[in-house]
Amino acid sequence: MKPISAYFLIALLSGFFVFISFSYGLFAGSEYRLEDLLYVEKPISDDIIIVAIDNESIQRIGQWPWPRKVFAEALAKLAKNQPLAVGLDVIFSEPSRFGVEDDRALAAVLNNLPYPAVMPVEVENLILLENGELAGGGALKPLALFAGSPKVEFGQVNLFLDSDGVVRRFPLFVKTESGEEFPAFSYAVVKAAGKEILPEDNFRDVERIVYFGAPGRIKRLPFWHLLEENSLPELKNKILFIGSVAADLHDEKLTPISRGALMPGVEIQANIANMLISGYRLRPLGFSAMAVWIFFAAFVPALVFLAFRRALLALGANVFLGFFYTLAAALIFDNGVAVNLTHLNFAWAFSSFSLFGYQYFVGEKERRQLKKNFAKYVSKEVLAEIMKDPEKVSLGGEEREITILFSDIRSFTSWSEKTEPKKLIHSLNKYFSEMTEEILKNKGVVDKYIGDAIMAFWGAPLDDEEQADNALRAAQGMLERLKKLNKELLAAGEQEIKIGIGIHTGTAIVGNLGSESRFDYTAIGDAVNVASRLEGLSKTYNAEIIISESSKNKIKLGAELKFLDKAAVKGRENLVNIYTVV
């Protein structure tokens, strides 16, 4: 399988795996916990005030629960301050322990309120079904005595507690088993206050709660101030939520923004009211949108791995991009869209590490093999170019136009017979080293050593627009190096070396050739045969370098070439025009 196909297949499978986990609701708890980290404080309306039943008020007024006439007095005195609405987050579901007159005192005030008030209802056994619908049992309601006032409405204070004990959602409307329907407590308070709820046509049965700050951020007024008119601040046109904030009264819950601290239930209701007034919503991406984002998150790493062929570099780039991707998701979250970071990051990470594993253990293995194959044929510079884009290299065999160089030592048989084996090998090794360096220096591929002969070529595995020029430069450089080498050999009392070189440009088949256990990157074909024959003609024409017309026509470096002859080349029917360097 080609790397591109493999990369995209891995990305597709990664995306599919994560999408299935998303479809079945896996990691939902992790998603919530990750989203909790994205909460930042937002502006809170000055119109919302919590009237706090706090420790200070309990110390001043007396032991909890207070007589209901305390609430009656407080609500009556509020009339002069003209609040927009009051949410009384205390369920008076049982008769007062101070007697029926205590209940009647509160009922009398409620019946004559000049401002709207909302009292709480708690629907029992509330269940969120898998289809998203809500099923409730009975309702814990205030005494019927308090329900007769035209200014008093009821709202349910139910909140959904997630598996980690954090309150993140609330039901907007709930029906009891008897068919009664109650709006959310905060919703009822905001509606009673005459505030516009934005956007009211975009609600769901279960809403995410947007928290605008940590516990204590919404302005609080201790309850006892309501009983002392002289200590009351300006409350005109304010929305008041009366409820417990004292820890001993046990109406506190964990919230996403509280960072482990508990938030009083009345403050959660005040946050919901602020959310309804502000128009800010937290909407999860829809199913189809999440599918698109999950597969997008899985495919981006594939593109990165294709761009960076080194596994560790590609993984590092993906981690870097993942950081900015998470930052972007946080900004989107701050604008009201919950992008399900857990599944998107999971898709990103799963795809990235799967691709890393594939590229490191398969791709890098192929790269190492490729490097091993070519390290003995080409220069470090050419090898670096090959490793930049290995796909340009075809090892399976391809037809290419290349320029082939053959060099051979003249009278080698006679020399080898007269020279001691150790000296012969020493001289040959020096010779091969010098000639090979010059070929590699000029971007050539050293194909093989055939006895005392050297075969090299240009134009494969990488394209080389100057292949004929590079071959000629190499040939001339080889002769210059040979002059210096011969001086050393003569000084050491050894025989000098003379060589002939043949250069030809033509079409050949290049690739790995050999058995399964051993093969070499080489070139075969008629062009190789012609180059070899031209080298053989160098002795006949007493020329150090013989060049075919096809090579001569591609040479651009301005070398002065002289026509030698129309020569017969074994294996060719037509004569070949040959040239030499002047």
Protein backbone atom coordinates (compact mmCIF):
# COMPACT_ATOMS: atom_id res chain seq x y z
CA MET A 1 0.00 0.00 0.00
CA LYS A 2 1.30 3.45 -0.88
CA PRO A 3 2.08 5.68 2.14
CA ILE A 4 -0.59 8.24 1.21
CA SER A 5 -3.27 5.55 1.06
CA ALA A 6 -2.02 4.02 4.31
CA TYR A 7 -2.05 7.37 6.11
CA PHE A 8 -5.59 8.19 5.06
CA LEU A 9 -6.81 4.69 5.87
CA ILE A 10 -5.35 5.00 9.38
CA ALA A 11 -7.00 8.42 9.76
CA LEU A 12 -10.33 7.03 8.54
CA LEU A 13 -10.23 4.09 10.95
CA SER A 14 -9.20 6.37 13.83
CA GLY A 15 -12.07 8.74 13.09
CA PHE A 16 -14.52 5.85 12.80
CA PHE A 17 -13.42 4.34 16.11
CA VAL A 18 -13.78 7.66 17.96
CA PHE A 19 -17.11 8.38 16.26
CA ILE A 20 -18.48 5.05 17.50
CA SER A 21 -17.35 5.87 21.04
CA PHE A 22 -19.06 9.27 20.74
CA SER A 23 -22.26 7.69 19.39
CA TYR A 24 -22.49 5.42 22.43
CA GLY A 25 -21.79 8.24 24.87
CA LEU A 26 -18.44 6.92 26.04
CA PHE A 27 -16.18 9.37 27.91
CA ALA A 28 -19.10 11.76 28.56
CA GLY A 29 -17.87 12.27 32.12
CA SER A 30 -14.39 13.10 30.88
CA GLU A 31 -15.87 15.54 28.39
CA TYR A 32 -17.66 17.43 31.13
CA ARG A 33 -14.57 17.56 33.32
CA LEU A 34 -12.48 18.87 30.44
CA GLU A 35 -15.07 21.50 29.62
CA ASP A 36 -15.07 22.59 33.26
CA LEU A 37 -11.51 23.83 32.76
CA LEU A 38 -12.68 26.16 29.99
CA TYR A 39 -15.02 28.22 32.14
CA VAL A 40 -13.98 31.84 32.62
CA GLU A 41 -15.76 34.58 34.51
CA LYS A 42 -18.28 36.65 32.56
CA PRO A 43 -20.19 39.85 33.32
CA ILE A 44 -23.03 39.48 35.82
CA SER A 45 -26.12 41.67 35.74
CA ASP A 46 -26.29 44.27 38.51
CA ASP A 47 -30.04 43.69 38.59
CA ILE A 48 -29.67 40.28 40.25
CA ILE A 49 -29.09 40.16 44.01
CA ILE A 50 -29.01 37.21 46.39
CA VAL A 51 -30.68 37.84 49.72
CA ALA A 52 -28.57 35.46 51.74
CA ILE A 53 -29.75 33.40 54.65
CA ASP A 54 -26.22 33.35 56.02
CA ASN A 55 -24.58 32.67 59.37
CA GLU A 56 -24.69 36.36 60.31
CA SER A 57 -28.45 36.49 59.73
CA ILE A 58 -28.99 33.28 61.72
CA GLN A 59 -27.01 34.77 64.61
CA ARG A 60 -29.10 37.96 64.54
CA ILE A 61 -32.55 36.41 63.96
CA GLY A 62 -32.25 33.09 65.74
CA GLN A 63 -32.05 29.35 65.18
CA TRP A 64 -33.12 27.92 61.83
CA PRO A 65 -35.86 27.27 60.75
CA TRP A 66 -37.19 30.74 61.44
CA PRO A 67 -40.82 31.54 62.10
CA ARG A 68 -42.62 32.30 58.85
CA LYS A 69 -43.63 35.67 60.20
CA VAL A 70 -39.92 36.61 59.73
CA PHE A 71 -40.33 36.05 55.99
CA ALA A 72 -43.70 37.81 56.09
CA GLU A 73 -42.10 40.88 57.68
CA ALA A 74 -39.20 40.88 55.22
CA LEU A 75 -41.47 40.55 52.16
CA ALA A 76 -43.77 43.28 53.45
CA LYS A 77 -40.92 45.72 54.02
CA LEU A 78 -39.61 44.99 50.52
CA ALA A 79 -42.78 46.51 49.09
CA LYS A 80 -41.42 50.00 49.68
CA ASN A 81 -38.31 49.15 47.62
CA GLN A 82 -40.28 48.04 44.56
CA PRO A 83 -38.22 45.07 43.36
CA LEU A 84 -39.08 43.67 39.94
CA ALA A 85 -39.55 40.16 41.33
CA VAL A 86 -38.60 37.98 44.27
CA GLY A 87 -37.66 34.31 44.10
CA LEU A 88 -38.19 32.76 47.53
CA ASP A 89 -36.02 29.63 47.39
CA VAL A 90 -37.42 28.07 50.56
CA ILE A 91 -40.04 25.30 50.32
CA PHE A 92 -42.71 25.73 52.97
CA SER A 93 -44.16 22.27 52.37
CA GLU A 94 -44.94 21.46 56.01
CA PRO A 95 -47.03 23.45 58.52
CA SER A 96 -44.96 25.82 60.64
CA ARG A 97 -43.70 24.44 63.92
CA PHE A 98 -44.78 27.76 65.43
CA GLY A 99 -48.44 27.12 64.71
CA VAL A 100 -51.07 27.89 62.13
CA GLU A 101 -51.01 31.62 62.87
CA ASP A 102 -47.42 31.68 61.71
CA ASP A 103 -48.48 30.24 58.32
CA ARG A 104 -51.40 32.65 58.10
CA ALA A 105 -49.10 35.63 58.69
CA LEU A 106 -47.02 34.68 55.66
CA ALA A 107 -50.09 33.88 53.55
CA ALA A 108 -51.57 37.30 54.34
CA VAL A 109 -48.46 39.07 53.10
CA LEU A 110 -48.28 36.91 49.97
CA ASN A 111 -51.91 37.70 49.15
CA ASN A 112 -51.19 41.42 49.21
CA LEU A 113 -47.79 41.60 47.54
CA PRO A 114 -47.39 44.58 45.18
CA TYR A 115 -44.61 42.77 43.29
CA PRO A 116 -44.51 39.26 41.77
CA ALA A 117 -42.97 36.39 43.73
CA VAL A 118 -42.04 32.84 42.81
CA MET A 119 -42.06 29.98 45.29
CA PRO A 120 -40.22 26.68 44.72
CA VAL A 121 -41.51 23.24 43.79
CA GLU A 122 -39.37 20.12 43.73
CA VAL A 123 -40.48 17.34 41.39
CA GLU A 124 -39.67 13.97 42.89
CA ASN A 125 -38.10 10.99 41.10
CA LEU A 126 -37.21 13.09 38.06
CA ILE A 127 -35.53 10.97 35.39
CA LEU A 128 -33.95 11.98 32.11
CA LEU A 129 -34.83 9.20 29.67
CA GLU A 130 -32.51 8.03 26.87
CA ASN A 131 -34.74 9.71 24.28
CA GLY A 132 -34.17 13.04 26.02
CA GLU A 133 -37.64 13.26 27.58
CA LEU A 134 -38.21 13.92 31.27
CA ALA A 135 -40.30 11.72 33.53
CA GLY A 136 -41.31 12.97 37.00
CA GLY A 137 -43.23 11.60 39.93
CA GLY A 138 -45.04 13.69 42.49
CA ALA A 139 -44.17 17.25 43.51
CA LEU A 140 -43.06 18.67 46.82
CA LYS A 141 -44.97 21.98 46.92
CA PRO A 142 -45.60 24.83 49.36
CA LEU A 143 -48.74 24.60 51.47
CA ALA A 144 -51.98 25.25 49.61
CA LEU A 145 -52.43 28.21 51.96
CA PHE A 146 -49.69 30.07 50.02
CA ALA A 147 -51.05 29.34 46.56
CA GLY A 148 -53.99 31.72 46.52
CA SER A 149 -52.13 34.96 45.84
CA PRO A 150 -52.44 36.34 42.29
CA LYS A 151 -48.85 37.58 42.58
CA VAL A 152 -47.38 34.20 43.53
CA GLU A 153 -46.21 31.68 40.91
CA PHE A 154 -44.39 28.39 41.23
CA GLY A 155 -41.21 27.11 39.60
CA GLN A 156 -39.35 23.82 39.98
CA VAL A 157 -35.85 23.98 41.45
CA ASN A 158 -34.70 20.60 40.12
CA LEU A 159 -31.09 20.35 39.01
CA PHE A 160 -29.31 17.44 37.36
CA LEU A 161 -26.39 16.03 39.27
CA ASP A 162 -23.86 14.33 36.96
CA SER A 163 -22.00 11.17 37.93
CA ASP A 164 -19.12 13.22 39.33
CA GLY A 165 -21.47 15.15 41.62
CA VAL A 166 -21.32 18.39 39.61
CA VAL A 167 -24.41 20.39 38.62
CA ARG A 168 -24.21 21.30 34.93
CA ARG A 169 -27.80 21.04 33.66
CA PHE A 170 -31.33 21.96 34.63
CA PRO A 171 -34.76 21.05 33.21
CA LEU A 172 -36.59 23.98 31.66
CA PHE A 173 -40.08 22.49 32.06
CA VAL A 174 -41.13 19.43 34.06
CA LYS A 175 -44.42 17.53 34.16
CA THR A 176 -45.42 15.59 37.23
CA GLU A 177 -47.17 12.24 37.10
CA SER A 178 -50.45 14.08 37.69
CA GLY A 179 -49.92 16.19 34.56
CA GLU A 180 -48.96 19.45 36.26
CA GLU A 181 -46.22 21.34 34.42
CA PHE A 182 -43.77 23.65 36.15
CA PRO A 183 -41.21 25.95 34.55
CA ALA A 184 -37.71 26.23 35.96
CA PHE A 185 -37.62 28.38 39.09
CA SER A 186 -35.22 30.97 37.63
CA TYR A 187 -37.14 31.05 34.36
CA ALA A 188 -40.34 31.83 36.28
CA VAL A 189 -38.59 34.59 38.27
CA VAL A 190 -37.17 36.26 35.16
CA LYS A 191 -40.54 36.05 33.38
CA ALA A 192 -42.31 37.46 36.43
CA ALA A 193 -39.84 40.36 36.45
CA GLY A 194 -40.88 41.20 32.90
CA LYS A 195 -37.37 40.67 31.56
CA GLU A 196 -36.93 39.56 27.98
CA ILE A 197 -35.43 36.09 27.74
CA LEU A 198 -33.01 35.76 24.82
CA PRO A 199 -33.47 33.82 22.63
CA GLU A 200 -36.65 32.24 23.97
CA ASP A 201 -37.33 30.25 20.79
CA ASN A 202 -34.07 28.33 21.09
CA PHE A 203 -34.60 26.37 24.29
CA ARG A 204 -34.23 22.67 24.87
CA ASP A 205 -35.93 20.48 27.46
CA VAL A 206 -32.65 20.24 29.35
CA GLU A 207 -30.38 23.26 29.32
CA ARG A 208 -26.70 23.54 30.15
CA ILE A 209 -26.11 25.97 32.99
CA VAL A 210 -23.73 28.80 32.24
CA TYR A 211 -21.88 29.86 35.35
CA PHE A 212 -20.67 33.44 35.33
CA GLY A 213 -18.31 33.26 38.27
CA ALA A 214 -17.10 31.35 41.30
CA PRO A 215 -19.22 31.07 44.46
CA GLY A 216 -19.79 34.48 46.03
CA ARG A 217 -19.37 36.50 42.84
CA ILE A 218 -23.05 37.46 42.54
CA LYS A 219 -23.84 40.33 44.87
CA ARG A 220 -25.18 39.19 48.24
CA LEU A 221 -27.30 41.03 50.79
CA PRO A 222 -27.60 39.37 54.23
CA PHE A 223 -31.24 38.57 54.97
CA TRP A 224 -31.32 40.50 58.26
CA HIS A 225 -31.04 43.78 56.29
CA LEU A 226 -34.60 43.22 55.01
CA LEU A 227 -35.87 43.53 58.57
CA GLU A 228 -34.16 46.88 59.13
CA GLU A 229 -35.39 49.40 56.61
CA ASN A 230 -32.62 51.88 57.37
CA SER A 231 -29.92 49.39 56.38
CA LEU A 232 -31.42 48.42 53.01
CA PRO A 233 -29.57 49.40 49.83
CA GLU A 234 -31.41 50.55 46.71
CA LEU A 235 -33.44 47.54 45.55
CA LYS A 236 -35.80 49.20 43.12
CA ASN A 237 -36.12 47.28 39.83
CA LYS A 238 -33.88 44.50 41.15
CA ILE A 239 -34.48 40.77 40.91
CA LEU A 240 -34.02 39.18 44.33
CA PHE A 241 -33.31 35.54 45.10
CA ILE A 242 -33.88 34.69 48.76
CA GLY A 243 -32.19 31.50 49.85
CA SER A 244 -29.73 29.71 52.07
CA VAL A 245 -25.97 30.23 51.73
CA ALA A 246 -25.01 28.99 55.20
CA ALA A 247 -23.02 25.76 54.99
CA ASP A 248 -24.87 24.26 57.97
CA LEU A 249 -28.15 24.37 56.04
CA HIS A 250 -26.72 21.92 53.48
CA ASP A 251 -28.01 23.47 50.27
CA GLU A 252 -24.68 23.57 48.44
CA LYS A 253 -23.46 21.78 45.34
CA LEU A 254 -20.37 21.40 43.17
CA THR A 255 -20.32 23.40 39.94
CA PRO A 256 -17.94 23.43 36.97
CA ILE A 257 -16.55 26.83 37.89
CA SER A 258 -16.34 26.39 41.66
CA ARG A 259 -13.04 24.41 41.38
CA GLY A 260 -13.92 22.13 44.28
CA ALA A 261 -15.73 24.77 46.36
CA LEU A 262 -19.46 24.41 46.91
CA MET A 263 -22.02 26.84 45.51
CA PRO A 264 -25.33 27.47 47.30
CA GLY A 265 -28.40 26.31 45.41
CA VAL A 266 -29.83 29.84 45.41
CA GLU A 267 -26.67 31.11 43.69
CA ILE A 268 -27.02 28.42 41.03
CA GLN A 269 -30.56 29.70 40.43
CA ALA A 270 -29.22 33.27 40.22
CA ASN A 271 -26.64 32.15 37.63
CA ILE A 272 -29.40 30.56 35.55
CA ALA A 273 -31.37 33.81 35.72
CA ASN A 274 -28.32 35.77 34.61
CA MET A 275 -27.89 33.32 31.72
CA LEU A 276 -31.51 33.77 30.62
CA ILE A 277 -31.28 37.56 30.71
CA SER A 278 -27.87 37.76 28.98
CA GLY A 279 -28.87 35.51 26.10
CA TYR A 280 -25.66 33.51 26.51
CA ARG A 281 -26.15 29.80 25.91
CA LEU A 282 -23.87 26.81 25.94
CA ARG A 283 -24.85 24.56 23.05
CA PRO A 284 -23.21 21.22 22.30
CA LEU A 285 -22.43 20.53 18.67
CA GLY A 286 -25.12 18.50 16.92
CA PHE A 287 -24.59 14.86 16.02
CA SER A 288 -23.81 15.54 12.35
CA ALA A 289 -21.52 18.46 13.15
CA MET A 290 -19.63 16.33 15.66
CA ALA A 291 -19.18 13.60 13.05
CA VAL A 292 -17.60 16.14 10.69
CA TRP A 293 -15.34 17.53 13.41
CA ILE A 294 -14.24 14.09 14.60
CA PHE A 295 -13.19 12.99 11.12
CA PHE A 296 -11.58 16.37 10.51
CA ALA A 297 -9.59 15.97 13.74
CA ALA A 298 -8.51 12.49 12.61
CA PHE A 299 -7.50 13.51 9.07
CA VAL A 300 -5.46 16.63 9.89
CA PRO A 301 -2.67 14.55 11.50
CA ALA A 302 -2.48 12.48 8.31
CA LEU A 303 -1.78 15.64 6.31
CA VAL A 304 0.85 16.66 8.86
CA PHE A 305 2.56 13.27 8.65
CA LEU A 306 2.58 13.52 4.87
CA ALA A 307 4.17 16.97 5.11
CA PHE A 308 6.77 15.89 7.69
CA ARG A 309 8.15 12.50 6.74
CA ARG A 310 10.19 12.12 9.94
CA ALA A 311 7.96 10.43 12.51
CA LEU A 312 9.12 12.38 15.57
CA LEU A 313 9.02 15.69 13.71
CA ALA A 314 5.49 14.98 12.49
CA LEU A 315 4.37 13.96 15.98
CA GLY A 316 5.86 17.15 17.42
CA ALA A 317 4.10 19.23 14.78
CA ASN A 318 0.81 17.51 15.63
CA VAL A 319 1.25 18.22 19.34
CA PHE A 320 1.98 21.86 18.47
CA LEU A 321 -1.09 22.10 16.25
CA GLY A 322 -3.16 20.27 18.86
CA PHE A 323 -2.31 22.99 21.38
CA PHE A 324 -3.62 25.73 19.09
CA TYR A 325 -6.59 23.57 18.15
CA THR A 326 -7.48 23.24 21.85
CA LEU A 327 -7.03 26.98 22.29
CA ALA A 328 -9.42 27.57 19.38
CA ALA A 329 -11.92 25.16 20.96
CA ALA A 330 -11.67 27.11 24.22
CA LEU A 331 -12.45 30.34 22.38
CA ILE A 332 -15.41 28.67 20.67
CA PHE A 333 -16.57 27.40 24.07
CA ASP A 334 -16.36 30.92 25.45
CA ASN A 335 -18.71 31.95 22.64
CA GLY A 336 -21.30 29.37 23.60
CA VAL A 337 -20.42 26.22 21.64
CA ALA A 338 -19.31 23.10 23.52
CA VAL A 339 -17.17 21.34 20.93
CA ASN A 340 -16.73 18.08 22.86
CA LEU A 341 -13.00 18.41 23.32
CA THR A 342 -12.61 14.91 24.74
CA HIS A 343 -13.68 13.14 21.56
CA LEU A 344 -12.02 15.64 19.25
CA ASN A 345 -8.73 15.46 21.14
CA PHE A 346 -9.10 11.70 21.32
CA ALA A 347 -9.56 11.57 17.54
CA TRP A 348 -6.56 13.86 17.08
CA ALA A 349 -4.36 11.92 19.51
CA PHE A 350 -5.49 8.46 18.39
CA SER A 351 -4.86 9.32 14.75
CA SER A 352 -1.53 11.02 15.53
CA PHE A 353 -0.10 8.16 17.57
CA SER A 354 -1.42 5.52 15.17
CA LEU A 355 0.24 7.35 12.29
CA PHE A 356 3.37 7.80 14.37
CA GLY A 357 3.48 4.07 15.05
CA TYR A 358 2.95 3.27 11.39
CA GLN A 359 5.51 5.80 10.18
CA TYR A 360 8.08 4.93 12.81
CA PHE A 361 7.88 1.16 12.54
CA VAL A 362 6.99 0.90 8.86
CA GLY A 363 7.88 4.18 7.20
CA GLU A 364 11.10 4.68 9.15
CA LYS A 365 12.05 1.08 8.51
CA GLU A 366 11.61 1.71 4.79
CA ARG A 367 13.59 4.94 5.11
CA ARG A 368 16.41 3.15 6.90
CA GLN A 369 16.43 0.46 4.24
CA LEU A 370 16.43 3.08 1.50
CA LYS A 371 19.27 4.93 3.19
CA LYS A 372 21.20 1.70 3.55
CA ASN A 373 20.61 0.86 -0.10
CA PHE A 374 21.90 4.17 -1.44
CA ALA A 375 24.57 5.10 1.11
CA LYS A 376 27.15 3.05 -0.77
CA TYR A 377 26.16 4.42 -4.18
CA VAL A 378 25.76 8.18 -3.80
CA SER A 379 27.22 11.17 -1.97
CA LYS A 380 25.82 12.43 1.34
CA GLU A 381 24.31 15.42 -0.45
CA VAL A 382 22.47 13.25 -3.00
CA LEU A 383 21.42 10.86 -0.23
CA ALA A 384 19.96 13.79 1.70
CA GLU A 385 17.94 14.80 -1.37
CA ILE A 386 16.68 11.24 -1.75
CA MET A 387 15.65 11.08 1.91
CA LYS A 388 13.71 14.35 1.63
CA ASP A 389 11.20 12.68 -0.66
CA PRO A 390 11.70 8.91 -0.84
CA GLU A 391 8.62 8.49 -3.02
CA LYS A 392 10.52 10.01 -5.93
CA VAL A 393 12.75 6.95 -5.88
CA SER A 394 11.52 3.82 -7.60
CA LEU A 395 13.34 0.69 -6.51
CA GLY A 396 11.11 -1.72 -8.36
CA GLY A 397 12.51 -0.80 -11.77
CA GLU A 398 11.76 2.03 -14.14
CA GLU A 399 12.88 3.21 -17.55
CA ARG A 400 14.83 6.46 -17.41
CA GLU A 401 17.20 8.46 -19.55
CA ILE A 402 20.55 8.36 -17.81
CA THR A 403 24.20 9.10 -18.57
CA ILE A 404 26.52 6.17 -17.94
CA LEU A 405 30.26 6.34 -17.31
CA PHE A 406 32.61 3.38 -17.59
CA SER A 407 36.28 3.58 -16.65
CA ASP A 408 38.85 0.83 -16.89
CA ILE A 409 42.55 0.48 -16.09
CA ARG A 410 44.60 -0.14 -19.20
CA SER A 411 46.91 -3.18 -19.28
CA PHE A 412 45.60 -4.25 -15.89
CA THR A 413 46.29 -7.95 -16.52
CA SER A 414 49.96 -7.30 -17.27
CA TRP A 415 50.27 -4.99 -14.25
CA SER A 416 48.61 -7.45 -11.88
CA GLU A 417 50.92 -10.25 -12.97
CA LYS A 418 54.03 -8.16 -12.26
CA THR A 419 52.88 -6.70 -8.94
CA GLU A 420 52.81 -8.30 -5.51
CA PRO A 421 49.22 -8.94 -4.36
CA LYS A 422 49.49 -6.66 -1.31
CA LYS A 423 50.88 -3.78 -3.35
CA LEU A 424 48.29 -4.39 -6.05
CA ILE A 425 45.39 -4.28 -3.59
CA HIS A 426 46.84 -1.21 -1.88
CA SER A 427 47.20 0.65 -5.19
CA LEU A 428 43.75 -0.42 -6.38
CA ASN A 429 42.09 0.69 -3.15
CA LYS A 430 43.75 4.09 -3.41
CA TYR A 431 42.67 4.35 -7.02
CA PHE A 432 39.07 3.32 -6.36
CA SER A 433 38.82 5.71 -3.41
CA GLU A 434 39.98 8.69 -5.47
CA MET A 435 37.80 7.87 -8.47
CA THR A 436 34.75 7.17 -6.32
CA GLU A 437 35.11 10.45 -4.43
CA GLU A 438 35.17 12.37 -7.70
CA ILE A 439 32.07 10.60 -9.02
CA LEU A 440 30.16 11.23 -5.79
CA LYS A 441 31.36 14.82 -5.72
CA ASN A 442 29.64 15.32 -9.07
CA LYS A 443 26.34 13.75 -7.93
CA GLY A 444 26.90 10.41 -9.58
CA VAL A 445 25.78 6.94 -8.53
CA VAL A 446 28.61 4.44 -8.21
CA ASP A 447 26.90 1.37 -9.60
CA LYS A 448 29.58 -1.26 -9.21
CA TYR A 449 33.23 -2.24 -9.44
CA ILE A 450 33.83 -4.90 -12.08
CA GLY A 451 37.35 -6.09 -11.47
CA ASP A 452 39.39 -2.96 -12.22
CA ALA A 453 36.48 -1.21 -13.95
CA ILE A 454 34.06 1.33 -12.47
CA MET A 455 30.49 1.83 -13.62
CA ALA A 456 28.63 4.99 -12.61
CA PHE A 457 25.58 6.83 -13.86
CA TRP A 458 23.60 10.07 -13.52
CA GLY A 459 19.87 10.77 -13.87
CA ALA A 460 18.67 8.17 -11.37
CA PRO A 461 17.36 7.71 -8.76
CA LEU A 462 16.84 11.50 -8.87
CA ASP A 463 16.27 13.55 -11.98
CA ASP A 464 19.39 15.42 -13.10
CA GLU A 465 19.06 18.03 -15.81
CA GLU A 466 22.86 18.34 -15.93
CA GLN A 467 23.56 14.62 -16.00
CA ALA A 468 25.85 14.73 -19.06
CA ASP A 469 27.74 17.76 -17.72
CA ASN A 470 28.16 16.09 -14.33
CA ALA A 471 29.43 12.92 -15.97
CA LEU A 472 32.00 14.88 -18.00
CA ARG A 473 33.08 16.88 -14.93
CA ALA A 474 33.52 13.61 -13.06
CA ALA A 475 35.60 12.14 -15.91
CA GLN A 476 37.85 15.19 -16.06
CA GLY A 477 38.16 15.25 -12.28
CA MET A 478 39.06 11.56 -12.26
CA LEU A 479 41.94 12.22 -14.67
CA GLU A 480 43.19 15.13 -12.52
CA ARG A 481 43.10 12.99 -9.39
CA LEU A 482 44.84 10.20 -11.28
CA LYS A 483 47.76 12.51 -12.10
CA LYS A 484 48.29 13.25 -8.40
CA LEU A 485 47.85 9.59 -7.48
CA ASN A 486 50.40 8.50 -10.08
CA LYS A 487 52.99 10.89 -8.62
CA GLU A 488 52.50 9.20 -5.25
CA LEU A 489 52.71 5.73 -6.79
CA LEU A 490 55.87 6.54 -8.73
CA ALA A 491 57.45 8.09 -5.64
CA ALA A 492 56.69 4.85 -3.79
CA GLY A 493 58.28 2.82 -6.55
CA GLU A 494 55.00 1.50 -7.83
CA GLN A 495 53.66 1.43 -11.38
CA GLU A 496 51.55 4.33 -12.56
CA ILE A 497 47.94 3.78 -13.63
CA LYS A 498 46.40 4.73 -16.96
CA ILE A 499 42.67 4.59 -17.60
CA GLY A 500 40.14 5.00 -20.37
CA ILE A 501 36.65 6.45 -19.89
CA GLY A 502 33.49 6.03 -21.96
CA ILE A 503 30.39 8.24 -21.54
CA HIS A 504 27.01 7.64 -23.16
CA THR A 505 23.49 9.02 -22.63
CA GLY A 506 20.51 6.80 -23.37
CA THR A 507 17.50 4.96 -22.02
CA ALA A 508 18.11 2.23 -19.45
CA ILE A 509 16.16 0.31 -16.85
CA VAL A 510 17.20 1.21 -13.30
CA GLY A 511 16.14 -0.36 -10.03
CA ASN A 512 16.99 -3.08 -7.53
CA LEU A 513 18.23 -6.17 -9.29
CA GLY A 514 19.18 -9.49 -7.72
CA SER A 515 17.78 -12.27 -5.57
CA GLU A 516 15.49 -11.91 -2.57
CA SER A 517 18.45 -12.26 -0.23
CA ARG A 518 20.83 -9.98 -2.12
CA PHE A 519 20.24 -7.24 -4.65
CA ASP A 520 21.80 -4.00 -5.85
CA TYR A 521 20.55 -0.77 -7.32
CA THR A 522 21.82 -0.85 -10.88
CA ALA A 523 21.17 0.06 -14.50
CA ILE A 524 20.80 -2.38 -17.38
CA GLY A 525 20.09 -2.06 -21.07
CA ASP A 526 21.58 -1.09 -24.42
CA ALA A 527 22.78 2.30 -23.15
CA VAL A 528 24.94 0.58 -20.53
CA ASN A 529 26.41 -1.69 -23.20
CA VAL A 530 27.26 1.31 -25.44
CA ALA A 531 29.04 3.15 -22.60
CA SER A 532 31.09 0.04 -21.86
CA ARG A 533 32.03 -0.32 -25.56
CA LEU A 534 33.02 3.35 -25.78
CA GLU A 535 35.41 2.86 -22.87
CA GLY A 536 36.94 -0.04 -24.81
CA LEU A 537 37.42 2.21 -27.86
CA SER A 538 39.43 4.73 -25.82
CA LYS A 539 42.56 2.62 -26.20
CA THR A 540 41.98 2.14 -29.93
CA TYR A 541 41.72 5.89 -30.51
CA ASN A 542 44.38 6.71 -27.90
CA ALA A 543 41.90 8.99 -26.10
CA GLU A 544 41.39 9.17 -22.34
CA ILE A 545 37.71 10.08 -22.67
CA ILE A 546 35.31 9.04 -25.43
CA ILE A 547 31.83 10.57 -25.52
CA SER A 548 28.85 9.50 -27.64
CA GLU A 549 26.94 12.01 -29.73
CA SER A 550 23.87 11.68 -27.48
CA SER A 551 25.94 12.82 -24.50
CA LYS A 552 27.72 15.49 -26.52
CA ASN A 553 24.35 17.03 -27.48
CA LYS A 554 23.38 17.37 -23.80
CA ILE A 555 26.63 18.88 -22.55
CA LYS A 556 26.24 22.58 -21.79
CA LEU A 557 29.32 23.45 -19.77
CA GLY A 558 31.25 24.72 -22.78
CA ALA A 559 33.87 21.97 -23.01
CA GLU A 560 35.68 21.78 -26.34
CA LEU A 561 34.85 18.44 -27.92
CA LYS A 562 36.48 17.00 -31.04
CA PHE A 563 34.84 14.57 -33.43
CA LEU A 564 36.86 11.37 -33.63
CA ASP A 565 35.08 8.96 -35.91
CA LYS A 566 31.99 7.00 -36.79
CA ALA A 567 32.72 3.88 -34.80
CA ALA A 568 31.21 0.44 -34.91
CA VAL A 569 29.85 -0.60 -31.55
CA LYS A 570 29.15 -4.23 -30.83
CA GLY A 571 25.41 -4.79 -30.54
CA ARG A 572 24.58 -1.75 -32.69
CA GLU A 573 23.82 -1.96 -36.41
CA ASN A 574 24.50 1.72 -37.07
CA LEU A 575 27.80 3.46 -36.57
CA VAL A 576 28.09 5.73 -33.53
CA ASN A 577 29.58 9.22 -33.74
CA ILE A 578 32.21 9.51 -31.03
CA TYR A 579 33.97 12.55 -29.57
CA THR A 580 36.78 13.33 -27.17
CA VAL A 581 37.78 16.30 -25.05
CA VAL A 582 40.40 18.57 -26.54
